Amino acid sequence: MATQKSGTNGSAVSATDTPANKPLTCTGHTRPVVDLHFSHYAPTGEFFLISACKDSIPILRRGSTGDWVGSFQGHKGAVWSARLSRDASVSVTGSADFTAKVWNNVEGTPLLTLNHSHVVRAVDLSDDARYVATGGYEKKVRVFDLQSKDPTTPIRILEGSTSEIKSLLLDAAHGLVFNGDGKELRVWDLQVNKQVTSRHFEEDITSLKFSFDKKKMIVTAGKKVYFYNAVTASLEREIDTTIKVSSASLHPDGSKVVVGGSEDLWVRVYDYATGQETEVYKGHHGPIHCVSYSPDGYLYATGSEDGTVRLWQTYPGTSYGLWQAQ
C-alpha cells in the first residue's frame, strides 16, 4: 500500500497519482528473515536471491519472481548471514551454531563447514567464490582460501575489534576487508594483515553493503545512511532519515536508495542526489531487517521480522516478472 510519494519539487503528492506498489510475498521461512543477497547474472541469464533466517534454513529463489529453488539443510542454529557468488553457483552462510558453511547451489549440498568458537554473525564471498570472510562474537575476522590445501584453516585472522562483528565486506580485488563492530568501521589491508584506518560513528553500525559496481560502500548507523568510496574509505554522501535504519541498498544506476527500519513497518525510497524521501510503502507486519536491489534494478527485496521476503517493483505499474502492467 503506497501512502506518500514526493514530486520532483519535493512536495508530497497523493498515492493515487501513481500506480500502487503491490509486493510479491515469498513465504517458506518460519522465523524472522535477517539477511538477503542477490547474485549478479548466472550463465543462464537469470539472477538469484538468497535469504538468511533465524529458522536455520537459508532459501534460494529466482530473483525476478521469488520462486523457490531450494532450501539449505544443515545448520543447527539461526542463520544470520548469507552471500552468493557472482554467478550464483556457490553460497556461504554464517550461523549461531558456531559455523559458516559453503554450499554447492546446483546440488544444494554443503561443500565445506568452517568451524568457529562462537556465533558467526557475518560472512562475505569473493566474486570468484575463492575467498570467504567471516566475523562474529569472537571479535575476529577470518579469511579462508577455498582453493588452498586446507580450506578450513584461515589464511588470515584479523584481530583488534572490541565488539561483536555484526557486518563485514570482502574486497578481494583490492585486498581489503571492512567490518563493523559497535560504533567502529574498520578497514583492514590483507597484504600486511593490519588495520589501516577506521571511522567512528555516534551510534552502532547496523549494516554494511557494497554498491553493485563495488565503487561505494553503504553504511547504516542510527538514522543515517552513509556512502563511502570503497577504495579510499572517504565519505561521499550521507542521507538523513526519520527512522532507525537497519539496512540500505543503492540502485545499480545510483539514483535511488531503498531503506528499511528496525522499528518501522514501512519500506522507504530516497533520492540519492537530493536525499529526499520519495516513496513510502507498507506490506510487512514486522520491522524490516534487510533490503537489497536486484542487479537489473527493476525490483528490490525486503526481509522482515514477520518471516517473509517481499519483492517490490522499482517502477510500479510496469510489466515485469509476475507483475502485469497497470
C-alpha atoms as a PDB file:
ATOM      1  CA  MET A   1       0.000   0.000   0.000  1.00  0.00           C
ATOM      2  CA  ALA A   2       1.525   3.289  -1.065  1.00  0.00           C
ATOM      3  CA  THR A   3       0.999   6.105   1.397  1.00  0.00           C
ATOM      4  CA  GLN A   4       3.004   9.005   0.059  1.00  0.00           C
ATOM      5  CA  LYS A   5       5.192   9.992  -2.835  1.00  0.00           C
ATOM      6  CA  SER A   6       7.116  13.207  -3.253  1.00  0.00           C
ATOM      7  CA  GLY A   7       7.067  15.071  -6.528  1.00  0.00           C
ATOM      8  CA  THR A   8      10.206  16.272  -8.255  1.00  0.00           C
ATOM      9  CA  ASN A   9       9.913  19.571  -6.433  1.00  0.00           C
ATOM     10  CA  GLY A  10       9.844  17.791  -3.086  1.00  0.00           C
ATOM     11  CA  SER A  11       6.118  18.328  -2.463  1.00  0.00           C
ATOM     12  CA  ALA A  12       4.009  15.376  -1.380  1.00  0.00           C
ATOM     13  CA  VAL A  13       1.545  14.040  -3.931  1.00  0.00           C
ATOM     14  CA  SER A  14      -1.316  11.620  -3.451  1.00  0.00           C
ATOM     15  CA  ALA A  15      -0.641   7.907  -3.767  1.00  0.00           C
ATOM     16  CA  THR A  16      -3.468   7.775  -6.310  1.00  0.00           C
ATOM     17  CA  ASP A  17      -1.275   9.774  -8.713  1.00  0.00           C
ATOM     18  CA  THR A  18       0.975   6.746  -9.194  1.00  0.00           C
ATOM     19  CA  PRO A  19       0.242   3.001  -9.518  1.00  0.00           C
ATOM     20  CA  ALA A  20       0.182   1.131  -6.217  1.00  0.00           C
ATOM     21  CA  ASN A  21       3.295  -0.878  -5.460  1.00  0.00           C
ATOM     22  CA  LYS A  22       1.903  -4.321  -4.691  1.00  0.00           C
ATOM     23  CA  PRO A  23       4.672  -6.570  -3.392  1.00  0.00           C
ATOM     24  CA  LEU A  24       5.034 -10.258  -4.077  1.00  0.00           C
ATOM     25  CA  THR A  25       5.178 -12.181  -0.803  1.00  0.00           C
ATOM     26  CA  CYS A  26       7.668 -15.041  -0.627  1.00  0.00           C
ATOM     27  CA  THR A  27       6.822 -17.496   2.136  1.00  0.00           C
ATOM     28  CA  GLY A  28       8.770 -20.515   3.341  1.00  0.00           C
ATOM     29  CA  HIS A  29      10.543 -19.197   6.413  1.00  0.00           C
ATOM     30  CA  THR A  30       9.112 -19.712   9.884  1.00  0.00           C
ATOM     31  CA  ARG A  31      11.073 -17.078  11.810  1.00  0.00           C
ATOM     32  CA  PRO A  32      12.471 -13.576  11.162  1.00  0.00           C
ATOM     33  CA  VAL A  33      14.395 -13.007   7.924  1.00  0.00           C
ATOM     34  CA  VAL A  34      17.632 -11.219   8.835  1.00  0.00           C
ATOM     35  CA  ASP A  35      19.692 -11.070   5.630  1.00  0.00           C
ATOM     36  CA  LEU A  36      19.264 -11.009   1.851  1.00  0.00           C
ATOM     37  CA  HIS A  37      21.649 -11.060  -1.084  1.00  0.00           C
ATOM     38  CA  PHE A  38      21.186 -11.032  -4.866  1.00  0.00           C
ATOM     39  CA  SER A  39      23.669 -12.622  -7.226  1.00  0.00           C
ATOM     40  CA  HIS A  40      24.699 -10.998 -10.470  1.00  0.00           C
ATOM     41  CA  TYR A  41      23.673 -12.785 -13.668  1.00  0.00           C
ATOM     42  CA  ALA A  42      24.250 -16.530 -13.882  1.00  0.00           C
ATOM     43  CA  PRO A  43      25.335 -18.150 -17.189  1.00  0.00           C
ATOM     44  CA  THR A  44      21.644 -18.852 -17.868  1.00  0.00           C
ATOM     45  CA  GLY A  45      20.898 -15.114 -17.875  1.00  0.00           C
ATOM     46  CA  GLU A  46      18.970 -15.353 -14.609  1.00  0.00           C
ATOM     47  CA  PHE A  47      19.851 -13.927 -11.223  1.00  0.00           C
ATOM     48  CA  PHE A  48      19.078 -15.379  -7.813  1.00  0.00           C
ATOM     49  CA  LEU A  49      18.247 -14.308  -4.267  1.00  0.00           C
ATOM     50  CA  ILE A  50      19.290 -15.969  -1.022  1.00  0.00           C
ATOM     51  CA  SER A  51      17.696 -15.253   2.360  1.00  0.00           C
ATOM     52  CA  ALA A  52      19.042 -15.977   5.847  1.00  0.00           C
ATOM     53  CA  CYS A  53      16.619 -16.681   8.661  1.00  0.00           C
ATOM     54  CA  LYS A  54      16.547 -17.499  12.339  1.00  0.00           C
ATOM     55  CA  ASP A  55      14.792 -20.777  11.441  1.00  0.00           C
ATOM     56  CA  SER A  56      18.256 -22.148  10.445  1.00  0.00           C
ATOM     57  CA  ILE A  57      17.317 -22.851   6.801  1.00  0.00           C
ATOM     58  CA  PRO A  58      18.547 -20.444   4.091  1.00  0.00           C
ATOM     59  CA  ILE A  59      16.389 -20.360   0.963  1.00  0.00           C
ATOM     60  CA  LEU A  60      17.476 -19.788  -2.643  1.00  0.00           C
ATOM     61  CA  ARG A  61      14.950 -18.190  -5.022  1.00  0.00           C
ATOM     62  CA  ARG A  62      14.757 -16.952  -8.577  1.00  0.00           C
ATOM     63  CA  GLY A  63      15.479 -13.268  -8.266  1.00  0.00           C
ATOM     64  CA  SER A  64      12.922 -11.899 -10.717  1.00  0.00           C
ATOM     65  CA  THR A  65       9.929 -13.857  -9.419  1.00  0.00           C
ATOM     66  CA  GLY A  66      10.768 -15.083  -5.914  1.00  0.00           C
ATOM     67  CA  ASP A  67      10.043 -18.671  -6.968  1.00  0.00           C
ATOM     68  CA  TRP A  68      11.584 -21.243  -4.640  1.00  0.00           C
ATOM     69  CA  VAL A  69      14.668 -23.017  -5.982  1.00  0.00           C
ATOM     70  CA  GLY A  70      15.928 -24.823  -2.910  1.00  0.00           C
ATOM     71  CA  SER A  71      16.471 -24.835   0.858  1.00  0.00           C
ATOM     72  CA  PHE A  72      19.819 -25.496   2.514  1.00  0.00           C
ATOM     73  CA  GLN A  73      19.549 -28.059   5.320  1.00  0.00           C
ATOM     74  CA  GLY A  74      22.468 -28.461   7.701  1.00  0.00           C
ATOM     75  CA  HIS A  75      22.745 -25.596  10.180  1.00  0.00           C
ATOM     76  CA  LYS A  76      21.645 -26.255  13.765  1.00  0.00           C
ATOM     77  CA  GLY A  77      21.067 -22.649  14.784  1.00  0.00           C
ATOM     78  CA  ALA A  78      19.824 -19.332  13.454  1.00  0.00           C
ATOM     79  CA  VAL A  79      21.449 -18.292  10.176  1.00  0.00           C
ATOM     80  CA  TRP A  80      22.476 -14.644  10.452  1.00  0.00           C
ATOM     81  CA  SER A  81      24.142 -14.003   7.118  1.00  0.00           C
ATOM     82  CA  ALA A  82      24.145 -15.359   3.558  1.00  0.00           C
ATOM     83  CA  ARG A  83      26.027 -14.421   0.384  1.00  0.00           C
ATOM     84  CA  LEU A  84      26.003 -15.668  -3.203  1.00  0.00           C
ATOM     85  CA  SER A  85      28.898 -15.849  -5.617  1.00  0.00           C
ATOM     86  CA  ARG A  86      28.664 -13.579  -8.625  1.00  0.00           C
ATOM     87  CA  ASP A  87      27.374 -16.390 -10.875  1.00  0.00           C
ATOM     88  CA  ALA A  88      25.135 -17.843  -8.116  1.00  0.00           C
ATOM     89  CA  SER A  89      26.854 -21.250  -8.255  1.00  0.00           C
ATOM     90  CA  VAL A  90      28.146 -21.062  -4.663  1.00  0.00           C
ATOM     91  CA  SER A  91      26.836 -19.560  -1.448  1.00  0.00           C
ATOM     92  CA  VAL A  92      28.184 -19.081   2.066  1.00  0.00           C
ATOM     93  CA  THR A  93      26.165 -18.822   5.284  1.00  0.00           C
ATOM     94  CA  GLY A  94      27.013 -17.912   8.867  1.00  0.00           C
ATOM     95  CA  SER A  95      25.154 -19.297  11.843  1.00  0.00           C
ATOM     96  CA  ALA A  96      24.620 -19.290  15.588  1.00  0.00           C
ATOM     97  CA  ASP A  97      25.770 -22.936  15.565  1.00  0.00           C
ATOM     98  CA  PHE A  98      29.383 -21.650  15.512  1.00  0.00           C
ATOM     99  CA  THR A  99      29.911 -22.498  11.836  1.00  0.00           C
ATOM    100  CA  ALA A 100      29.971 -20.990   8.400  1.00  0.00           C
ATOM    101  CA  LYS A 101      29.046 -23.296   5.539  1.00  0.00           C
ATOM    102  CA  VAL A 102      29.932 -23.154   1.853  1.00  0.00           C
ATOM    103  CA  TRP A 103      27.255 -24.615  -0.434  1.00  0.00           C
ATOM    104  CA  ASN A 104      27.046 -26.011  -3.946  1.00  0.00           C
ATOM    105  CA  ASN A 105      23.921 -24.246  -5.164  1.00  0.00           C
ATOM    106  CA  VAL A 106      23.391 -26.551  -8.127  1.00  0.00           C
ATOM    107  CA  GLU A 107      23.141 -29.657  -5.956  1.00  0.00           C
ATOM    108  CA  GLY A 108      22.050 -27.946  -2.734  1.00  0.00           C
ATOM    109  CA  THR A 109      24.759 -29.695  -0.736  1.00  0.00           C
ATOM    110  CA  PRO A 110      27.423 -28.340   1.639  1.00  0.00           C
ATOM    111  CA  LEU A 111      30.942 -28.202   0.233  1.00  0.00           C
ATOM    112  CA  LEU A 112      32.684 -27.178   3.445  1.00  0.00           C
ATOM    113  CA  THR A 113      31.977 -26.443   7.081  1.00  0.00           C
ATOM    114  CA  LEU A 114      34.167 -23.746   8.620  1.00  0.00           C
ATOM    115  CA  ASN A 115      34.205 -24.217  12.382  1.00  0.00           C
ATOM    116  CA  HIS A 116      34.436 -21.284  14.793  1.00  0.00           C
ATOM    117  CA  SER A 117      34.478 -20.980  18.562  1.00  0.00           C
ATOM    118  CA  HIS A 118      31.436 -18.684  18.754  1.00  0.00           C
ATOM    119  CA  VAL A 119      28.437 -17.371  16.784  1.00  0.00           C
ATOM    120  CA  VAL A 120      29.139 -16.331  13.174  1.00  0.00           C
ATOM    121  CA  ARG A 121      27.146 -13.153  12.503  1.00  0.00           C
ATOM    122  CA  ALA A 122      28.560 -12.000   9.160  1.00  0.00           C
ATOM    123  CA  VAL A 123      30.010 -13.622   6.048  1.00  0.00           C
ATOM    124  CA  ASP A 124      31.134 -12.496   2.612  1.00  0.00           C
ATOM    125  CA  LEU A 125      32.340 -14.233  -0.512  1.00  0.00           C
ATOM    126  CA  SER A 126      34.658 -13.016  -3.261  1.00  0.00           C
ATOM    127  CA  ASP A 127      33.169 -12.676  -6.731  1.00  0.00           C
ATOM    128  CA  ASP A 128      35.054 -15.733  -7.973  1.00  0.00           C
ATOM    129  CA  ALA A 129      33.962 -17.762  -4.898  1.00  0.00           C
ATOM    130  CA  ARG A 130      37.581 -18.412  -3.907  1.00  0.00           C
ATOM    131  CA  TYR A 131      37.763 -16.435  -0.656  1.00  0.00           C
ATOM    132  CA  VAL A 132      35.381 -16.352   2.306  1.00  0.00           C
ATOM    133  CA  ALA A 133      35.447 -13.829   5.146  1.00  0.00           C
ATOM    134  CA  THR A 134      33.662 -14.386   8.460  1.00  0.00           C
ATOM    135  CA  GLY A 135      33.099 -12.424  11.643  1.00  0.00           C
ATOM    136  CA  GLY A 136      31.033 -12.710  14.792  1.00  0.00           C
ATOM    137  CA  TYR A 137      31.089 -12.968  18.542  1.00  0.00           C
ATOM    138  CA  GLU A 138      34.784 -13.952  18.572  1.00  0.00           C
ATOM    139  CA  LYS A 139      35.532 -10.326  17.591  1.00  0.00           C
ATOM    140  CA  LYS A 140      37.852 -11.613  14.861  1.00  0.00           C
ATOM    141  CA  VAL A 141      37.706 -11.561  11.077  1.00  0.00           C
ATOM    142  CA  ARG A 142      38.815 -14.792   9.454  1.00  0.00           C
ATOM    143  CA  VAL A 143      39.641 -15.141   5.761  1.00  0.00           C
ATOM    144  CA  PHE A 144      39.636 -18.576   4.097  1.00  0.00           C
ATOM    145  CA  ASP A 145      41.039 -19.621   0.721  1.00  0.00           C
ATOM    146  CA  LEU A 146      38.749 -22.317  -0.650  1.00  0.00           C
ATOM    147  CA  GLN A 147      41.423 -23.386  -3.177  1.00  0.00           C
ATOM    148  CA  SER A 148      44.157 -23.953  -0.591  1.00  0.00           C
ATOM    149  CA  LYS A 149      45.278 -27.400   0.517  1.00  0.00           C
ATOM    150  CA  ASP A 150      43.399 -26.923   3.783  1.00  0.00           C
ATOM    151  CA  PRO A 151      40.451 -24.644   3.006  1.00  0.00           C
ATOM    152  CA  THR A 152      39.021 -24.979   6.527  1.00  0.00           C
ATOM    153  CA  THR A 153      42.042 -23.237   8.068  1.00  0.00           C
ATOM    154  CA  PRO A 154      42.012 -19.433   7.736  1.00  0.00           C
ATOM    155  CA  ILE A 155      44.825 -17.781   5.795  1.00  0.00           C
ATOM    156  CA  ARG A 156      44.283 -14.548   7.718  1.00  0.00           C
ATOM    157  CA  ILE A 157      42.965 -13.776  11.204  1.00  0.00           C
ATOM    158  CA  LEU A 158      42.355 -10.084  11.807  1.00  0.00           C
ATOM    159  CA  GLU A 159      42.263  -9.177  15.489  1.00  0.00           C
ATOM    160  CA  GLY A 160      41.582  -5.836  17.121  1.00  0.00           C
ATOM    161  CA  SER A 161      37.820  -5.401  17.103  1.00  0.00           C
ATOM    162  CA  THR A 162      36.440  -4.579  20.533  1.00  0.00           C
ATOM    163  CA  SER A 163      32.792  -5.524  19.972  1.00  0.00           C
ATOM    164  CA  GLU A 164      30.905  -8.296  18.248  1.00  0.00           C
ATOM    165  CA  ILE A 165      31.295  -8.133  14.465  1.00  0.00           C
ATOM    166  CA  LYS A 166      27.808  -7.992  13.003  1.00  0.00           C
ATOM    167  CA  SER A 167      28.658  -6.894   9.458  1.00  0.00           C
ATOM    168  CA  LEU A 168      31.616  -7.183   7.105  1.00  0.00           C
ATOM    169  CA  LEU A 169      32.621  -6.847   3.463  1.00  0.00           C
ATOM    170  CA  LEU A 170      35.400  -8.527   1.497  1.00  0.00           C
ATOM    171  CA  ASP A 171      37.028  -6.755  -1.458  1.00  0.00           C
ATOM    172  CA  ALA A 172      39.398  -9.448  -2.649  1.00  0.00           C
ATOM    173  CA  ALA A 173      40.371  -7.480  -5.781  1.00  0.00           C
ATOM    174  CA  HIS A 174      41.930  -4.732  -3.652  1.00  0.00           C
ATOM    175  CA  GLY A 175      42.901  -6.946  -0.715  1.00  0.00           C
ATOM    176  CA  LEU A 176      40.610  -5.129   1.715  1.00  0.00           C
ATOM    177  CA  VAL A 177      38.190  -6.169   4.443  1.00  0.00           C
ATOM    178  CA  PHE A 178      35.724  -3.821   6.126  1.00  0.00           C
ATOM    179  CA  ASN A 179      33.973  -4.724   9.354  1.00  0.00           C
ATOM    180  CA  GLY A 180      31.536  -3.032  11.678  1.00  0.00           C
ATOM    181  CA  ASP A 181      31.846  -3.695  15.399  1.00  0.00           C
ATOM    182  CA  GLY A 182      29.806  -1.457  17.624  1.00  0.00           C
ATOM    183  CA  LYS A 183      30.362   2.134  16.549  1.00  0.00           C
ATOM    184  CA  GLU A 184      33.607   1.409  14.674  1.00  0.00           C
ATOM    185  CA  LEU A 185      34.090   0.803  10.961  1.00  0.00           C
ATOM    186  CA  ARG A 186      37.472  -0.842  10.496  1.00  0.00           C
ATOM    187  CA  VAL A 187      39.411  -1.171   7.259  1.00  0.00           C
ATOM    188  CA  TRP A 188      41.969  -3.995   7.001  1.00  0.00           C
ATOM    189  CA  ASP A 189      44.718  -4.471   4.425  1.00  0.00           C
ATOM    190  CA  LEU A 190      45.177  -8.181   3.768  1.00  0.00           C
ATOM    191  CA  GLN A 191      48.647  -7.660   2.292  1.00  0.00           C
ATOM    192  CA  VAL A 192      50.020  -6.539   5.657  1.00  0.00           C
ATOM    193  CA  ASN A 193      47.375  -8.228   7.804  1.00  0.00           C
ATOM    194  CA  LYS A 194      46.694  -4.997   9.701  1.00  0.00           C
ATOM    195  CA  GLN A 195      44.010  -2.404  10.277  1.00  0.00           C
ATOM    196  CA  VAL A 196      44.903   0.623   8.169  1.00  0.00           C
ATOM    197  CA  THR A 197      42.139   3.048   9.115  1.00  0.00           C
ATOM    198  CA  SER A 198      38.812   3.326  10.909  1.00  0.00           C
ATOM    199  CA  ARG A 199      35.740   5.523  11.143  1.00  0.00           C
ATOM    200  CA  HIS A 200      33.828   6.205  14.357  1.00  0.00           C
ATOM    201  CA  PHE A 201      30.037   6.668  14.391  1.00  0.00           C
ATOM    202  CA  GLU A 202      27.745   8.134  17.017  1.00  0.00           C
ATOM    203  CA  GLU A 203      25.569   5.006  17.026  1.00  0.00           C
ATOM    204  CA  ASP A 204      26.134   1.318  16.345  1.00  0.00           C
ATOM    205  CA  ILE A 205      26.651   0.234  12.751  1.00  0.00           C
ATOM    206  CA  THR A 206      23.684  -1.883  11.660  1.00  0.00           C
ATOM    207  CA  SER A 207      24.744  -2.914   8.149  1.00  0.00           C
ATOM    208  CA  LEU A 208      27.460  -2.720   5.503  1.00  0.00           C
ATOM    209  CA  LYS A 209      26.822  -3.241   1.804  1.00  0.00           C
ATOM    210  CA  PHE A 210      28.640  -2.626  -1.464  1.00  0.00           C
ATOM    211  CA  SER A 211      27.038  -0.917  -4.428  1.00  0.00           C
ATOM    212  CA  PHE A 212      26.725  -3.296  -7.384  1.00  0.00           C
ATOM    213  CA  ASP A 213      29.811  -1.839  -9.073  1.00  0.00           C
ATOM    214  CA  LYS A 214      31.678  -2.069  -5.735  1.00  0.00           C
ATOM    215  CA  LYS A 215      32.736   1.559  -6.030  1.00  0.00           C
ATOM    216  CA  LYS A 216      30.709   2.587  -2.986  1.00  0.00           C
ATOM    217  CA  MET A 217      30.275   1.138   0.481  1.00  0.00           C
ATOM    218  CA  ILE A 218      26.920   1.795   2.150  1.00  0.00           C
ATOM    219  CA  VAL A 219      26.944   2.058   5.945  1.00  0.00           C
ATOM    220  CA  THR A 220      23.858   2.417   8.143  1.00  0.00           C
ATOM    221  CA  ALA A 221      24.036   3.708  11.713  1.00  0.00           C
ATOM    222  CA  GLY A 222      21.338   5.395  13.772  1.00  0.00           C
ATOM    223  CA  LYS A 223      19.028   7.342  11.451  1.00  0.00           C
ATOM    224  CA  LYS A 224      21.643   7.908   8.764  1.00  0.00           C
ATOM    225  CA  VAL A 225      22.872   6.209   5.598  1.00  0.00           C
ATOM    226  CA  TYR A 226      26.497   6.904   4.668  1.00  0.00           C
ATOM    227  CA  PHE A 227      28.161   6.364   1.300  1.00  0.00           C
ATOM    228  CA  TYR A 228      31.934   5.874   1.252  1.00  0.00           C
ATOM    229  CA  ASN A 229      34.400   5.397  -1.544  1.00  0.00           C
ATOM    230  CA  ALA A 230      35.079   1.661  -1.316  1.00  0.00           C
ATOM    231  CA  VAL A 231      38.814   2.017  -2.003  1.00  0.00           C
ATOM    232  CA  THR A 232      39.805   5.209  -0.181  1.00  0.00           C
ATOM    233  CA  ALA A 233      37.127   4.979   2.556  1.00  0.00           C
ATOM    234  CA  SER A 234      36.401   8.697   2.059  1.00  0.00           C
ATOM    235  CA  LEU A 235      32.843   9.885   2.765  1.00  0.00           C
ATOM    236  CA  GLU A 236      30.987  10.876  -0.419  1.00  0.00           C
ATOM    237  CA  ARG A 237      27.448  11.461   0.838  1.00  0.00           C
ATOM    238  CA  GLU A 238      25.133  10.906   3.769  1.00  0.00           C
ATOM    239  CA  ILE A 239      21.346  10.805   3.892  1.00  0.00           C
ATOM    240  CA  ASP A 240      19.308  11.640   6.980  1.00  0.00           C
ATOM    241  CA  THR A 241      16.148   9.602   7.565  1.00  0.00           C
ATOM    242  CA  THR A 242      13.365   9.707  10.132  1.00  0.00           C
ATOM    243  CA  ILE A 243      13.792   6.093  11.263  1.00  0.00           C
ATOM    244  CA  LYS A 244      16.377   3.869  12.907  1.00  0.00           C
ATOM    245  CA  VAL A 245      17.896   2.339   9.809  1.00  0.00           C
ATOM    246  CA  SER A 246      18.605  -1.387   9.758  1.00  0.00           C
ATOM    247  CA  SER A 247      19.666  -1.727   6.116  1.00  0.00           C
ATOM    248  CA  ALA A 248      20.024   0.266   2.898  1.00  0.00           C
ATOM    249  CA  SER A 249      20.765  -0.538  -0.733  1.00  0.00           C
ATOM    250  CA  LEU A 250      21.779   1.673  -3.659  1.00  0.00           C
ATOM    251  CA  HIS A 251      20.079   1.208  -7.030  1.00  0.00           C
ATOM    252  CA  PRO A 252      22.527  -0.076  -9.685  1.00  0.00           C
ATOM    253  CA  ASP A 253      22.266   3.205 -11.587  1.00  0.00           C
ATOM    254  CA  GLY A 254      22.977   5.179  -8.407  1.00  0.00           C
ATOM    255  CA  SER A 255      19.754   7.184  -8.469  1.00  0.00           C
ATOM    256  CA  LYS A 256      17.731   5.674  -5.613  1.00  0.00           C
ATOM    257  CA  VAL A 257      18.304   4.271  -2.138  1.00  0.00           C
ATOM    258  CA  VAL A 258      15.909   1.804  -0.513  1.00  0.00           C
ATOM    259  CA  VAL A 259      15.868   1.800   3.292  1.00  0.00           C
ATOM    260  CA  GLY A 260      14.393  -0.471   5.974  1.00  0.00           C
ATOM    261  CA  GLY A 261      13.991   0.297   9.670  1.00  0.00           C
ATOM    262  CA  SER A 262      14.465  -1.770  12.805  1.00  0.00           C
ATOM    263  CA  GLU A 263      11.374  -0.240  14.438  1.00  0.00           C
ATOM    264  CA  ASP A 264       9.389   0.514  11.283  1.00  0.00           C
ATOM    265  CA  LEU A 265       6.949  -1.468   9.119  1.00  0.00           C
ATOM    266  CA  TRP A 266       7.406   0.745   6.059  1.00  0.00           C
ATOM    267  CA  VAL A 267       9.874   0.446   3.208  1.00  0.00           C
ATOM    268  CA  ARG A 268      11.203   3.836   2.148  1.00  0.00           C
ATOM    269  CA  VAL A 269      12.909   5.061  -1.018  1.00  0.00           C
ATOM    270  CA  TYR A 270      15.179   8.119  -1.126  1.00  0.00           C
ATOM    271  CA  ASP A 271      16.615  10.137  -3.982  1.00  0.00           C
ATOM    272  CA  TYR A 272      20.394   9.720  -3.840  1.00  0.00           C
ATOM    273  CA  ALA A 273      21.186  13.169  -5.254  1.00  0.00           C
ATOM    274  CA  THR A 274      18.825  15.206  -3.056  1.00  0.00           C
ATOM    275  CA  GLY A 275      18.442  12.934  -0.019  1.00  0.00           C
ATOM    276  CA  GLN A 276      14.664  13.410  -0.148  1.00  0.00           C
ATOM    277  CA  GLU A 277      12.271  10.609   0.731  1.00  0.00           C
ATOM    278  CA  THR A 278      10.272   9.952  -2.444  1.00  0.00           C
ATOM    279  CA  GLU A 279       8.273   6.778  -1.772  1.00  0.00           C
ATOM    280  CA  VAL A 280       6.849   5.019   1.286  1.00  0.00           C
ATOM    281  CA  TYR A 281       5.126   1.625   1.183  1.00  0.00           C
ATOM    282  CA  LYS A 282       3.642  -0.765   3.706  1.00  0.00           C
ATOM    283  CA  GLY A 283       3.391  -4.502   3.300  1.00  0.00           C
ATOM    284  CA  HIS A 284       5.253  -6.139   6.168  1.00  0.00           C
ATOM    285  CA  HIS A 285       3.773  -6.894   9.589  1.00  0.00           C
ATOM    286  CA  GLY A 286       7.056  -6.523  11.448  1.00  0.00           C
ATOM    287  CA  PRO A 287      10.212  -4.412  11.336  1.00  0.00           C
ATOM    288  CA  ILE A 288      12.351  -4.660   8.189  1.00  0.00           C
ATOM    289  CA  HIS A 289      15.784  -6.171   8.863  1.00  0.00           C
ATOM    290  CA  CYS A 290      17.295  -6.221   5.368  1.00  0.00           C
ATOM    291  CA  VAL A 291      16.817  -4.696   1.919  1.00  0.00           C
ATOM    292  CA  SER A 292      18.525  -5.124  -1.447  1.00  0.00           C
ATOM    293  CA  TYR A 293      18.066  -4.018  -5.054  1.00  0.00           C
ATOM    294  CA  SER A 294      18.236  -6.616  -7.798  1.00  0.00           C
ATOM    295  CA  PRO A 295      21.134  -6.436 -10.297  1.00  0.00           C
ATOM    296  CA  ASP A 296      18.839  -5.238 -13.092  1.00  0.00           C
ATOM    297  CA  GLY A 297      17.357  -2.547 -10.824  1.00  0.00           C
ATOM    298  CA  TYR A 298      13.748  -3.393 -11.615  1.00  0.00           C
ATOM    299  CA  LEU A 299      12.904  -4.635  -8.129  1.00  0.00           C
ATOM    300  CA  TYR A 300      14.103  -4.674  -4.556  1.00  0.00           C
ATOM    301  CA  ALA A 301      13.675  -7.285  -1.850  1.00  0.00           C
ATOM    302  CA  THR A 302      12.908  -6.782   1.835  1.00  0.00           C
ATOM    303  CA  GLY A 303      13.161  -9.268   4.703  1.00  0.00           C
ATOM    304  CA  SER A 304      11.244  -8.821   7.930  1.00  0.00           C
ATOM    305  CA  GLU A 305      10.592  -9.877  11.481  1.00  0.00           C
ATOM    306  CA  ASP A 306       7.287 -11.248  10.127  1.00  0.00           C
ATOM    307  CA  GLY A 307       9.166 -14.157   8.491  1.00  0.00           C
ATOM    308  CA  THR A 308       8.558 -13.150   4.880  1.00  0.00           C
ATOM    309  CA  VAL A 309      10.568 -11.860   1.965  1.00  0.00           C
ATOM    310  CA  ARG A 310       8.734  -9.343  -0.198  1.00  0.00           C
ATOM    311  CA  LEU A 311       9.628  -8.209  -3.701  1.00  0.00           C
ATOM    312  CA  TRP A 312       8.715  -4.659  -4.751  1.00  0.00           C
ATOM    313  CA  GLN A 313       8.777  -3.010  -8.152  1.00  0.00           C
ATOM    314  CA  THR A 314      11.151  -0.105  -8.609  1.00  0.00           C
ATOM    315  CA  TYR A 315       8.788   1.194 -11.292  1.00  0.00           C
ATOM    316  CA  PRO A 316       5.270   0.299 -10.093  1.00  0.00           C
ATOM    317  CA  GLY A 317       2.675  -0.402 -12.746  1.00  0.00           C
ATOM    318  CA  THR A 318       5.077  -1.814 -15.327  1.00  0.00           C
ATOM    319  CA  SER A 319       5.094  -5.381 -16.637  1.00  0.00           C
ATOM    320  CA  TYR A 320       7.951  -7.356 -15.077  1.00  0.00           C
ATOM    321  CA  GLY A 321       8.302 -10.914 -13.791  1.00  0.00           C
ATOM    322  CA  LEU A 322       4.952 -11.908 -12.274  1.00  0.00           C
ATOM    323  CA  TRP A 323       3.611  -8.329 -12.339  1.00  0.00           C
ATOM    324  CA  GLN A 324       1.285  -7.220 -15.120  1.00  0.00           C
ATOM    325  CA  ALA A 325       1.194  -3.644 -16.390  1.00  0.00           C
ATOM    326  CA  GLN A 326      -1.478  -1.463 -14.758  1.00  0.00           C
END
